[in-house]
């Protein structure tokens, strides 16, 4: 049991470390774009993509009822 808990703790640490590295990478890219004056241009291009992703996520969450996921085949779509 102790070995299992150690493995779970290591896995949690690796996931958190990965998220921290990803956040630092995104911050560095945003800072570089801001210094070059291209951040607004990137925002204009990324805005439609982000909006479409949020709409898709909202549609997906609306389709769930009490934890059950309906497939497209069950809906007849």
PDB file of N, CA and C in Angstrom:
ATOM      1  N   UNK A   1       0.821  -1.194   0.000  1.00  0.00           N
ATOM      2  CA  UNK A   1       0.000   0.000   0.000  1.00  0.00           C
ATOM      3  C   UNK A   1       0.868   1.263   0.000  1.00  0.00           C
ATOM      4  N   UNK A   2       1.974   1.210   0.718  1.00  0.00           N
ATOM      5  CA  UNK A   2       2.858   2.363   0.776  1.00  0.00           C
ATOM      6  C   UNK A   2       3.473   2.652  -0.592  1.00  0.00           C
ATOM      7  N   UNK A   3       3.789   1.607  -1.319  1.00  0.00           N
ATOM      8  CA  UNK A   3       4.360   1.780  -2.654  1.00  0.00           C
ATOM      9  C   UNK A   3       3.354   2.451  -3.580  1.00  0.00           C
ATOM     10  N   UNK A   4       2.104   2.023  -3.485  1.00  0.00           N
ATOM     11  CA  UNK A   4       1.053   2.619  -4.310  1.00  0.00           C
ATOM     12  C   UNK A   4       0.895   4.112  -3.995  1.00  0.00           C
ATOM     13  N   UNK A   5       0.890   4.463  -2.719  1.00  0.00           N
ATOM     14  CA  UNK A   5       0.757   5.865  -2.335  1.00  0.00           C
ATOM     15  C   UNK A   5       1.948   6.685  -2.808  1.00  0.00           C
ATOM     16  N   UNK A   6       3.134   6.103  -2.747  1.00  0.00           N
ATOM     17  CA  UNK A   6       4.321   6.801  -3.248  1.00  0.00           C
ATOM     18  C   UNK A   6       4.208   7.049  -4.748  1.00  0.00           C
ATOM     19  N   UNK A   7       3.736   6.058  -5.487  1.00  0.00           N
ATOM     20  CA  UNK A   7       3.582   6.225  -6.938  1.00  0.00           C
ATOM     21  C   UNK A   7       2.528   7.287  -7.262  1.00  0.00           C
ATOM     22  N   UNK A   8       1.453   7.299  -6.488  1.00  0.00           N
ATOM     23  CA  UNK A   8       0.419   8.310  -6.712  1.00  0.00           C
ATOM     24  C   UNK A   8       0.962   9.718  -6.408  1.00  0.00           C
ATOM     25  N   UNK A   9       1.757   9.839  -5.363  1.00  0.00           N
ATOM     26  CA  UNK A   9       2.350  11.127  -5.018  1.00  0.00           C
ATOM     27  C   UNK A   9       3.331  11.583  -6.096  1.00  0.00           C
ATOM     28  N   UNK A  10       4.116  10.680  -6.614  1.00  0.00           N
ATOM     29  CA  UNK A  10       5.049  11.017  -7.697  1.00  0.00           C
ATOM     30  C   UNK A  10       4.276  11.441  -8.933  1.00  0.00           C
ATOM     31  N   UNK A  11       3.198  10.717  -9.257  1.00  0.00           N
ATOM     32  CA  UNK A  11       2.389  11.064 -10.421  1.00  0.00           C
ATOM     33  C   UNK A  11       1.778  12.456 -10.255  1.00  0.00           C
ATOM     34  N   UNK A  12       1.258  12.737  -9.077  1.00  0.00           N
ATOM     35  CA  UNK A  12       0.679  14.056  -8.811  1.00  0.00           C
ATOM     36  C   UNK A  12       1.742  15.143  -8.970  1.00  0.00           C
ATOM     37  N   UNK A  13       2.927  14.889  -8.445  1.00  0.00           N
ATOM     38  CA  UNK A  13       4.015  15.855  -8.567  1.00  0.00           C
ATOM     39  C   UNK A  13       4.406  16.114 -10.010  1.00  0.00           C
ATOM     40  N   UNK A  14       4.436  15.065 -10.816  1.00  0.00           N
ATOM     41  CA  UNK A  14       4.783  15.225 -12.233  1.00  0.00           C
ATOM     42  C   UNK A  14       3.708  16.013 -12.981  1.00  0.00           C
ATOM     43  N   UNK A  15       2.453  15.750 -12.669  1.00  0.00           N
ATOM     44  CA  UNK A  15       1.369  16.486 -13.325  1.00  0.00           C
ATOM     45  C   UNK A  15       1.434  17.964 -12.954  1.00  0.00           C
ATOM     46  N   UNK A  16       1.627  18.269 -11.682  1.00  0.00           N
ATOM     47  CA  UNK A  16       1.713  19.660 -11.242  1.00  0.00           C
ATOM     48  C   UNK A  16       2.935  20.339 -11.862  1.00  0.00           C
ATOM     49  N   UNK A  17       4.059  19.649 -11.894  1.00  0.00           N
ATOM     50  CA  UNK A  17       5.262  20.220 -12.503  1.00  0.00           C
ATOM     51  C   UNK A  17       5.033  20.507 -13.986  1.00  0.00           C
ATOM     52  N   UNK A  18       4.351  19.608 -14.672  1.00  0.00           N
ATOM     53  CA  UNK A  18       4.043  19.825 -16.082  1.00  0.00           C
ATOM     54  C   UNK A  18       3.153  21.038 -16.291  1.00  0.00           C
ATOM     55  N   UNK A  19       2.161  21.208 -15.421  1.00  0.00           N
ATOM     56  CA  UNK A  19       1.277  22.368 -15.528  1.00  0.00           C
ATOM     57  C   UNK A  19       2.024  23.679 -15.256  1.00  0.00           C
ATOM     58  N   UNK A  20       2.944  23.648 -14.311  1.00  0.00           N
ATOM     59  CA  UNK A  20       3.739  24.846 -14.007  1.00  0.00           C
ATOM     60  C   UNK A  20       4.625  25.205 -15.202  1.00  0.00           C
ATOM     61  N   UNK A  21       5.256  24.212 -15.795  1.00  0.00           N
ATOM     62  CA  UNK A  21       6.107  24.463 -16.966  1.00  0.00           C
ATOM     63  C   UNK A  21       5.268  25.005 -18.115  1.00  0.00           C
ATOM     64  N   UNK A  22       4.086  24.436 -18.325  1.00  0.00           N
ATOM     65  CA  UNK A  22       3.206  24.913 -19.388  1.00  0.00           C
ATOM     66  C   UNK A  22       2.779  26.359 -19.139  1.00  0.00           C
ATOM     67  N   UNK A  23       2.439  26.697 -17.901  1.00  0.00           N
ATOM     68  CA  UNK A  23       2.051  28.069 -17.573  1.00  0.00           C
ATOM     69  C   UNK A  23       3.212  29.039 -17.804  1.00  0.00           C
ATOM     70  N   UNK A  24       4.405  28.642 -17.411  1.00  0.00           N
ATOM     71  CA  UNK A  24       5.572  29.498 -17.640  1.00  0.00           C
ATOM     72  C   UNK A  24       5.853  29.684 -19.128  1.00  0.00           C
ATOM     73  N   UNK A  25       5.659  28.646 -19.902  1.00  0.00           N
ATOM     74  CA  UNK A  25       5.874  28.734 -21.344  1.00  0.00           C
ATOM     75  C   UNK A  25       4.868  29.692 -21.989  1.00  0.00           C
ATOM     76  N   UNK A  26       3.600  29.582 -21.615  1.00  0.00           N
ATOM     77  CA  UNK A  26       2.578  30.480 -22.151  1.00  0.00           C
ATOM     78  C   UNK A  26       2.871  31.925 -21.736  1.00  0.00           C
ATOM     79  N   UNK A  27       3.286  32.116 -20.487  1.00  0.00           N
ATOM     80  CA  UNK A  27       3.625  33.464 -20.019  1.00  0.00           C
ATOM     81  C   UNK A  27       4.801  34.039 -20.812  1.00  0.00           C
ATOM     82  N   UNK A  28       5.820  33.232 -21.054  1.00  0.00           N
ATOM     83  CA  UNK A  28       6.988  33.708 -21.804  1.00  0.00           C
ATOM     84  C   UNK A  28       6.611  34.067 -23.236  1.00  0.00           C
ATOM     85  N   UNK A  29       5.760  33.270 -23.859  1.00  0.00           N
ATOM     86  CA  UNK A  29       5.333  33.563 -25.231  1.00  0.00           C
ATOM     87  C   UNK A  29       4.528  34.859 -25.259  1.00  0.00           C
ATOM     88  N   UNK A  30       3.608  35.025 -24.298  1.00  0.00           N
ATOM     89  CA  UNK A  30       2.800  36.250 -24.253  1.00  0.00           C
ATOM     90  C   UNK A  30       3.676  37.472 -24.006  1.00  0.00           C
ATOM     91  N   UNK A  31       4.657  37.334 -23.141  1.00  0.00           N
ATOM     92  CA  UNK A  31       5.556  38.454 -22.857  1.00  0.00           C
ATOM     93  C   UNK A  31       6.377  38.827 -24.094  1.00  0.00           C
ATOM     94  N   UNK A  32       6.857  37.829 -24.802  1.00  0.00           N
ATOM     95  CA  UNK A  32       7.631  38.081 -26.020  1.00  0.00           C
ATOM     96  C   UNK A  32       6.766  38.770 -27.071  1.00  0.00           C
ATOM     97  N   UNK A  33       5.539  38.281 -27.244  1.00  0.00           N
ATOM     98  CA  UNK A  33       4.651  38.910 -28.221  1.00  0.00           C
ATOM     99  C   UNK A  33       4.317  40.337 -27.824  1.00  0.00           C
ATOM    100  N   UNK A  34       4.144  40.574 -26.546  1.00  0.00           N
ATOM    101  CA  UNK A  34       3.820  41.920 -26.077  1.00  0.00           C
ATOM    102  C   UNK A  34       4.983  42.874 -26.339  1.00  0.00           C
ATOM    103  N   UNK A  35       6.191  42.408 -26.098  1.00  0.00           N
ATOM    104  CA  UNK A  35       7.364  43.271 -26.326  1.00  0.00           C
ATOM    105  C   UNK A  35       7.541  43.608 -27.796  1.00  0.00           C
ATOM    106  N   UNK A  36       7.168  42.681 -28.669  1.00  0.00           N
ATOM    107  CA  UNK A  36       7.293  42.918 -30.102  1.00  0.00           C
ATOM    108  C   UNK A  36       6.097  43.662 -30.675  1.00  0.00           C
ATOM    109  N   UNK A  37       5.058  43.862 -29.850  1.00  0.00           N
ATOM    110  CA  UNK A  37       3.888  44.590 -30.301  1.00  0.00           C
ATOM    111  C   UNK A  37       2.934  43.767 -31.141  1.00  0.00           C
ATOM    112  N   UNK A  38       2.995  42.463 -31.064  1.00  0.00           N
ATOM    113  CA  UNK A  38       2.150  41.603 -31.883  1.00  0.00           C
ATOM    114  C   UNK A  38       1.078  40.882 -31.074  1.00  0.00           C
ATOM    115  N   UNK A  39       0.957  41.204 -29.791  1.00  0.00           N
ATOM    116  CA  UNK A  39      -0.007  40.512 -28.938  1.00  0.00           C
ATOM    117  C   UNK A  39      -1.442  40.782 -29.383  1.00  0.00           C
ATOM    118  N   UNK A  40      -1.747  42.021 -29.771  1.00  0.00           N
ATOM    119  CA  UNK A  40      -3.104  42.347 -30.222  1.00  0.00           C
ATOM    120  C   UNK A  40      -3.464  41.599 -31.504  1.00  0.00           C
ATOM    121  N   UNK A  41      -2.490  41.462 -32.390  1.00  0.00           N
ATOM    122  CA  UNK A  41      -2.726  40.730 -33.639  1.00  0.00           C
ATOM    123  C   UNK A  41      -3.024  39.251 -33.352  1.00  0.00           C
ATOM    124  N   UNK A  42      -2.283  38.670 -32.442  1.00  0.00           N
ATOM    125  CA  UNK A  42      -2.508  37.266 -32.078  1.00  0.00           C
ATOM    126  C   UNK A  42      -3.867  37.118 -31.402  1.00  0.00           C
ATOM    127  N   UNK A  43      -4.238  38.062 -30.563  1.00  0.00           N
ATOM    128  CA  UNK A  43      -5.555  38.015 -29.906  1.00  0.00           C
ATOM    129  C   UNK A  43      -6.680  38.055 -30.926  1.00  0.00           C
ATOM    130  N   UNK A  44      -6.536  38.889 -31.950  1.00  0.00           N
ATOM    131  CA  UNK A  44      -7.577  38.971 -32.975  1.00  0.00           C
ATOM    132  C   UNK A  44      -7.745  37.652 -33.713  1.00  0.00           C
ATOM    133  N   UNK A  45      -6.646  36.961 -33.964  1.00  0.00           N
ATOM    134  CA  UNK A  45      -6.718  35.680 -34.660  1.00  0.00           C
ATOM    135  C   UNK A  45      -7.189  34.555 -33.743  1.00  0.00           C
ATOM    136  N   UNK A  46      -6.845  34.623 -32.472  1.00  0.00           N
ATOM    137  CA  UNK A  46      -7.180  33.549 -31.542  1.00  0.00           C
ATOM    138  C   UNK A  46      -8.596  33.676 -30.991  1.00  0.00           C
ATOM    139  N   UNK A  47      -9.169  34.859 -31.012  1.00  0.00           N
ATOM    140  CA  UNK A  47     -10.491  35.067 -30.422  1.00  0.00           C
ATOM    141  C   UNK A  47     -11.568  34.168 -31.029  1.00  0.00           C
ATOM    142  N   UNK A  48     -11.696  34.060 -32.355  1.00  0.00           N
ATOM    143  CA  UNK A  48     -12.727  33.168 -32.907  1.00  0.00           C
ATOM    144  C   UNK A  48     -12.506  31.698 -32.535  1.00  0.00           C
ATOM    145  N   UNK A  49     -11.264  31.291 -32.445  1.00  0.00           N
ATOM    146  CA  UNK A  49     -10.962  29.905 -32.089  1.00  0.00           C
ATOM    147  C   UNK A  49     -11.376  29.617 -30.647  1.00  0.00           C
ATOM    148  N   UNK A  50     -11.068  30.541 -29.749  1.00  0.00           N
ATOM    149  CA  UNK A  50     -11.425  30.371 -28.341  1.00  0.00           C
ATOM    150  C   UNK A  50     -12.937  30.368 -28.172  1.00  0.00           C
ATOM    151  N   UNK A  51     -13.622  31.275 -28.873  1.00  0.00           N
ATOM    152  CA  UNK A  51     -15.087  31.327 -28.778  1.00  0.00           C
ATOM    153  C   UNK A  51     -15.725  30.030 -29.280  1.00  0.00           C
ATOM    154  N   UNK A  52     -15.213  29.499 -30.379  1.00  0.00           N
ATOM    155  CA  UNK A  52     -15.760  28.248 -30.913  1.00  0.00           C
ATOM    156  C   UNK A  52     -15.513  27.095 -29.938  1.00  0.00           C
ATOM    157  N   UNK A  53     -14.352  27.078 -29.321  1.00  0.00           N
ATOM    158  CA  UNK A  53     -14.056  26.040 -28.335  1.00  0.00           C
ATOM    159  C   UNK A  53     -14.960  26.123 -27.122  1.00  0.00           C
ATOM    160  N   UNK A  54     -15.223  27.338 -26.655  1.00  0.00           N
ATOM    161  CA  UNK A  54     -16.120  27.515 -25.518  1.00  0.00           C
ATOM    162  C   UNK A  54     -17.554  27.119 -25.865  1.00  0.00           C
ATOM    163  N   UNK A  55     -17.983  27.449 -27.084  1.00  0.00           N
ATOM    164  CA  UNK A  55     -19.331  27.036 -27.499  1.00  0.00           C
ATOM    165  C   UNK A  55     -19.439  25.519 -27.566  1.00  0.00           C
ATOM    166  N   UNK A  56     -18.411  24.869 -28.095  1.00  0.00           N
ATOM    167  CA  UNK A  56     -18.425  23.408 -28.174  1.00  0.00           C
ATOM    168  C   UNK A  56     -18.434  22.781 -26.784  1.00  0.00           C
ATOM    169  N   UNK A  57     -17.665  23.348 -25.865  1.00  0.00           N
ATOM    170  CA  UNK A  57     -17.642  22.829 -24.496  1.00  0.00           C
ATOM    171  C   UNK A  57     -18.997  23.028 -23.822  1.00  0.00           C
ATOM    172  N   UNK A  58     -19.635  24.163 -24.069  1.00  0.00           N
ATOM    173  CA  UNK A  58     -20.954  24.421 -23.478  1.00  0.00           C
ATOM    174  C   UNK A  58     -21.985  23.445 -24.029  1.00  0.00           C
ATOM    175  N   UNK A  59     -21.948  23.189 -25.340  1.00  0.00           N
ATOM    176  CA  UNK A  59     -22.881  22.220 -25.922  1.00  0.00           C
ATOM    177  C   UNK A  59     -22.676  20.837 -25.333  1.00  0.00           C
ATOM    178  N   UNK A  60     -21.428  20.490 -25.118  1.00  0.00           N
ATOM    179  CA  UNK A  60     -21.114  19.174 -24.569  1.00  0.00           C
ATOM    180  C   UNK A  60     -21.615  19.049 -23.132  1.00  0.00           C
ATOM    181  N   UNK A  61     -21.457  20.110 -22.343  1.00  0.00           N
ATOM    182  CA  UNK A  61     -21.913  20.070 -20.960  1.00  0.00           C
ATOM    183  C   UNK A  61     -23.432  20.082 -20.860  1.00  0.00           C
ATOM    184  N   UNK A  62     -24.114  20.735 -21.792  1.00  0.00           N
ATOM    185  CA  UNK A  62     -25.575  20.751 -21.782  1.00  0.00           C
ATOM    186  C   UNK A  62     -26.149  19.375 -22.042  1.00  0.00           C
ATOM    187  N   UNK A  63     -25.447  18.554 -22.805  1.00  0.00           N
ATOM    188  CA  UNK A  63     -25.943  17.232 -23.170  1.00  0.00           C
ATOM    189  C   UNK A  63     -25.844  16.220 -22.048  1.00  0.00           C
ATOM    190  N   UNK A  64     -25.150  16.524 -20.984  1.00  0.00           N
ATOM    191  CA  UNK A  64     -24.976  15.564 -19.886  1.00  0.00           C
ATOM    192  C   UNK A  64     -26.139  15.658 -18.912  1.00  0.00           C
ATOM    193  N   UNK A  65     -26.621  14.498 -18.500  1.00  0.00           N
ATOM    194  CA  UNK A  65     -27.686  14.452 -17.503  1.00  0.00           C
ATOM    195  C   UNK A  65     -27.262  13.526 -16.387  1.00  0.00           C
ATOM    196  N   UNK A  66     -27.038  14.079 -15.210  1.00  0.00           N
ATOM    197  CA  UNK A  66     -26.679  13.308 -14.014  1.00  0.00           C
ATOM    198  C   UNK A  66     -25.451  12.430 -14.236  1.00  0.00           C
ATOM    199  N   UNK A  67     -24.455  12.965 -14.888  1.00  0.00           N
ATOM    200  CA  UNK A  67     -23.209  12.242 -15.074  1.00  0.00           C
ATOM    201  C   UNK A  67     -23.196  11.317 -16.278  1.00  0.00           C
ATOM    202  N   UNK A  68     -24.343  11.072 -16.885  1.00  0.00           N
ATOM    203  CA  UNK A  68     -24.392  10.202 -18.060  1.00  0.00           C
ATOM    204  C   UNK A  68     -24.079  11.025 -19.299  1.00  0.00           C
ATOM    205  N   UNK A  69     -23.334  10.447 -20.195  1.00  0.00           N
ATOM    206  CA  UNK A  69     -22.962  11.124 -21.429  1.00  0.00           C
ATOM    207  C   UNK A  69     -23.757  10.508 -22.566  1.00  0.00           C
ATOM    208  N   UNK A  70     -24.493  11.361 -23.281  1.00  0.00           N
ATOM    209  CA  UNK A  70     -25.237  10.861 -24.428  1.00  0.00           C
ATOM    210  C   UNK A  70     -24.334  10.907 -25.641  1.00  0.00           C
ATOM    211  N   UNK A  71     -24.321   9.862 -26.405  1.00  0.00           N
ATOM    212  CA  UNK A  71     -23.504   9.865 -27.608  1.00  0.00           C
ATOM    213  C   UNK A  71     -24.300  10.459 -28.768  1.00  0.00           C
ATOM    214  N   UNK A  72     -23.632  10.810 -29.802  1.00  0.00           N
ATOM    215  CA  UNK A  72     -24.306  11.369 -30.961  1.00  0.00           C
ATOM    216  C   UNK A  72     -25.207  10.333 -31.627  1.00  0.00           C
ATOM    217  N   UNK A  73     -24.810   9.077 -31.538  1.00  0.00           N
ATOM    218  CA  UNK A  73     -25.586   8.022 -32.162  1.00  0.00           C
ATOM    219  C   UNK A  73     -26.921   7.830 -31.429  1.00  0.00           C
ATOM    220  N   UNK A  74     -26.954   8.045 -30.134  1.00  0.00           N
ATOM    221  CA  UNK A  74     -28.192   7.900 -29.383  1.00  0.00           C
ATOM    222  C   UNK A  74     -29.138   9.066 -29.649  1.00  0.00           C
ATOM    223  N   UNK A  75     -28.601  10.215 -29.980  1.00  0.00           N
ATOM    224  CA  UNK A  75     -29.426  11.387 -30.255  1.00  0.00           C
ATOM    225  C   UNK A  75     -29.993  11.368 -31.668  1.00  0.00           C
ATOM    226  N   UNK A  76     -29.481  10.509 -32.517  1.00  0.00           N
ATOM    227  CA  UNK A  76     -29.933  10.457 -33.890  1.00  0.00           C
ATOM    228  C   UNK A  76     -29.266  11.478 -34.781  1.00  0.00           C
ATOM    229  N   UNK A  77     -28.174  12.074 -34.329  1.00  0.00           N
ATOM    230  CA  UNK A  77     -27.447  13.055 -35.140  1.00  0.00           C
ATOM    231  C   UNK A  77     -26.357  12.399 -35.904  1.00  0.00           C
TER     232      UNK A  77
END
